[in-house]
Protein backbone atom coordinates (compact mmCIF):
# COMPACT_ATOMS: atom_id res chain seq x y z
CA UNK A 1 97.44 108.37 124.03
CA UNK A 2 94.74 110.49 125.59
CA UNK A 3 92.06 109.28 123.16
CA UNK A 4 92.62 105.50 123.69
CA UNK A 5 90.03 105.16 126.47
CA UNK A 6 87.45 106.94 124.27
CA UNK A 7 88.14 104.68 121.26
CA UNK A 8 88.15 101.55 123.49
CA UNK A 9 84.74 102.51 124.91
CA UNK A 10 83.36 103.23 121.46
CA UNK A 11 84.63 99.95 120.03
CA UNK A 12 82.90 98.00 122.82
CA UNK A 13 79.66 99.93 122.53
CA UNK A 14 76.65 99.36 120.25
CA UNK A 15 77.98 102.31 118.19
CA UNK A 16 81.23 100.49 117.30
CA UNK A 17 80.40 100.52 113.58
CA UNK A 18 81.53 104.16 113.47
CA UNK A 19 85.14 103.00 113.80
CA UNK A 20 85.09 99.13 113.52
CA UNK A 21 85.98 99.07 109.82
CA UNK A 22 89.45 100.49 110.52
CA UNK A 23 90.04 100.14 114.29
CA UNK A 24 90.27 97.07 116.53
CA UNK A 25 91.26 96.30 120.07
CA UNK A 26 94.27 94.07 120.55
CA UNK A 27 94.89 92.42 123.94
CA UNK A 28 98.24 90.97 124.89
CA UNK A 29 100.35 90.23 127.93
CA UNK A 30 103.40 92.39 128.63
CA UNK A 31 106.59 90.37 128.12
CA UNK A 32 108.33 91.85 131.19
CA UNK A 33 105.51 93.06 133.44
CA UNK A 34 103.03 90.25 132.86
CA UNK A 35 100.22 92.82 132.78
CA UNK A 36 97.42 92.42 130.31
CA UNK A 37 97.10 95.40 127.96
CA UNK A 38 94.25 96.29 125.57
CA UNK A 39 94.93 98.98 122.96
CA UNK A 40 93.02 100.32 120.01
CA UNK A 41 94.97 100.02 116.75
CA UNK A 42 94.23 100.64 113.10
CA UNK A 43 93.98 97.53 110.98
CA UNK A 44 93.20 96.25 107.49
CA UNK A 45 92.76 92.81 106.03
CA UNK A 46 95.49 91.52 103.75
CA UNK A 47 95.64 88.69 101.29
CA UNK A 48 99.06 88.04 99.81
CA UNK A 49 101.70 85.32 99.51
CA UNK A 50 101.63 84.99 103.36
CA UNK A 51 97.93 84.14 103.29
CA UNK A 52 95.00 85.98 104.87
CA UNK A 53 95.75 88.10 107.91
CA UNK A 54 95.15 91.36 109.72
CA UNK A 55 97.82 93.96 109.25
CA UNK A 56 98.75 96.92 111.46
CA UNK A 57 101.55 99.42 111.36
CA UNK A 58 103.23 101.27 114.23
CA UNK A 59 105.98 103.79 114.49
CA UNK A 60 109.23 102.40 115.88
CA UNK A 61 109.02 105.20 118.46
CA UNK A 62 106.06 103.48 120.12
CA UNK A 63 106.79 100.65 122.52
CA UNK A 64 103.60 98.52 122.73
CA UNK A 65 104.49 96.36 119.74
CA UNK A 66 107.68 95.13 121.43
CA UNK A 67 105.45 92.80 123.46
CA UNK A 68 104.64 90.92 120.21
CA UNK A 69 108.24 90.11 119.32
CA UNK A 70 108.69 86.41 118.46
CA UNK A 71 104.95 85.96 117.87
CA UNK A 72 102.53 86.16 120.74
CA UNK A 73 99.02 84.92 121.51
CA UNK A 74 96.64 87.84 121.39
CA UNK A 75 92.95 88.56 121.31
CA UNK A 76 91.52 90.96 118.76
CA UNK A 77 88.13 92.58 119.15
CA UNK A 78 86.73 93.55 115.74
CA UNK A 79 83.24 94.58 114.80
CA UNK A 80 81.85 93.64 118.22
CA UNK A 81 83.40 90.18 118.29
CA UNK A 82 86.47 88.68 119.97
CA UNK A 83 88.89 86.38 118.13
CA UNK A 84 91.87 84.44 119.34
CA UNK A 85 94.93 85.25 117.30
CA UNK A 86 98.67 85.14 117.00
CA UNK A 87 100.45 88.45 116.36
CA UNK A 88 103.98 88.86 115.08
CA UNK A 89 106.00 92.01 114.60
CA UNK A 90 108.43 92.62 111.76
CA UNK A 91 111.12 95.24 112.39
CA UNK A 92 113.77 94.79 109.71
CA UNK A 93 113.59 97.59 107.11
CA UNK A 94 113.63 95.28 104.08
CA UNK A 95 110.84 93.09 105.49
CA UNK A 96 108.68 96.07 106.42
CA UNK A 97 109.36 97.54 102.96
CA UNK A 98 108.16 94.30 101.34
CA UNK A 99 104.99 94.37 103.38
CA UNK A 100 104.37 98.02 102.54
CA UNK A 101 104.73 97.29 98.82
CA UNK A 102 102.17 94.47 99.12
CA UNK A 103 99.89 96.65 101.25
CA UNK A 104 99.92 99.61 98.89
CA UNK A 105 99.44 97.33 95.86
CA UNK A 106 96.30 95.75 97.34
CA UNK A 107 95.07 98.88 99.22
CA UNK A 108 96.11 101.85 97.15
CA UNK A 109 93.90 104.12 99.24
CA UNK A 110 96.22 103.46 102.18
CA UNK A 111 99.17 105.01 100.36
CA UNK A 112 97.51 108.40 100.63
CA UNK A 113 96.93 107.88 104.36
CA UNK A 114 100.69 107.23 104.77
CA UNK A 115 101.61 110.15 102.46
CA UNK A 116 103.03 107.82 99.84
CA UNK A 117 102.71 108.82 96.18
CA UNK A 118 101.49 106.32 93.61
CA UNK A 119 103.45 106.56 90.35
CA UNK A 120 101.90 106.50 86.88
CA UNK A 121 102.53 102.75 86.71
CA UNK A 122 100.32 102.29 89.79
CA UNK A 123 103.20 101.43 92.13
CA UNK A 124 104.14 103.28 95.34
CA UNK A 125 107.05 105.68 95.27
CA UNK A 126 110.14 103.60 96.19
CA UNK A 127 111.98 106.31 98.10
CA UNK A 128 108.94 107.33 100.15
CA UNK A 129 108.09 103.74 100.89
CA UNK A 130 111.65 102.90 101.97
CA UNK A 131 111.68 105.99 104.23
CA UNK A 132 108.43 104.91 105.81
CA UNK A 133 109.76 101.36 106.37
CA UNK A 134 112.78 102.74 108.20
CA UNK A 135 110.50 104.44 110.75
CA UNK A 136 107.88 101.69 111.07
CA UNK A 137 107.13 98.16 112.16
CA UNK A 138 104.58 95.89 110.52
CA UNK A 139 102.37 93.68 112.68
CA UNK A 140 100.83 90.59 111.10
CA UNK A 141 97.96 88.96 113.07
CA UNK A 142 96.71 85.50 112.12
CA UNK A 143 93.16 85.04 113.42
CA UNK A 144 91.89 81.63 114.53
CA UNK A 145 88.67 81.39 112.58
CA UNK A 146 87.15 82.70 109.41
CA UNK A 147 88.92 85.98 108.74
CA UNK A 148 86.76 86.81 105.73
CA UNK A 149 83.78 87.25 108.10
CA UNK A 150 85.54 89.77 110.26
CA UNK A 151 84.19 93.27 109.94
CA UNK A 152 80.95 92.15 108.28
């Protein structure tokens, strides 16, 4: 994306707080090329049955996340600090759907960002959420260290 270099520079600058609450840098090694890549991605902290982790979502049309298949060692740069981590991508529609339900339950404000309606009972619209899951992958990143201090 044309704006990636701008966001990367901003995240590494003293002015990172402008975007650090929702954007991080993730560094990983390409599975085929062996090249090291660093990309800005949106993130949010999750606490659910799987524990405490950083979550990101990508369109299946993108290709960067394929390097994380099977769980890969990564480095994330959040709020001006680097953390060693393990990132894993989930591609199956039912699994992604499950994560979206958890995500929208704990972060209802994100539903609006993904154009998902919240029903009167406070739950995300099932059809919209399933449709989103069909087009998306869910990336779960476990950080080595105290995740609750990230972004503070």
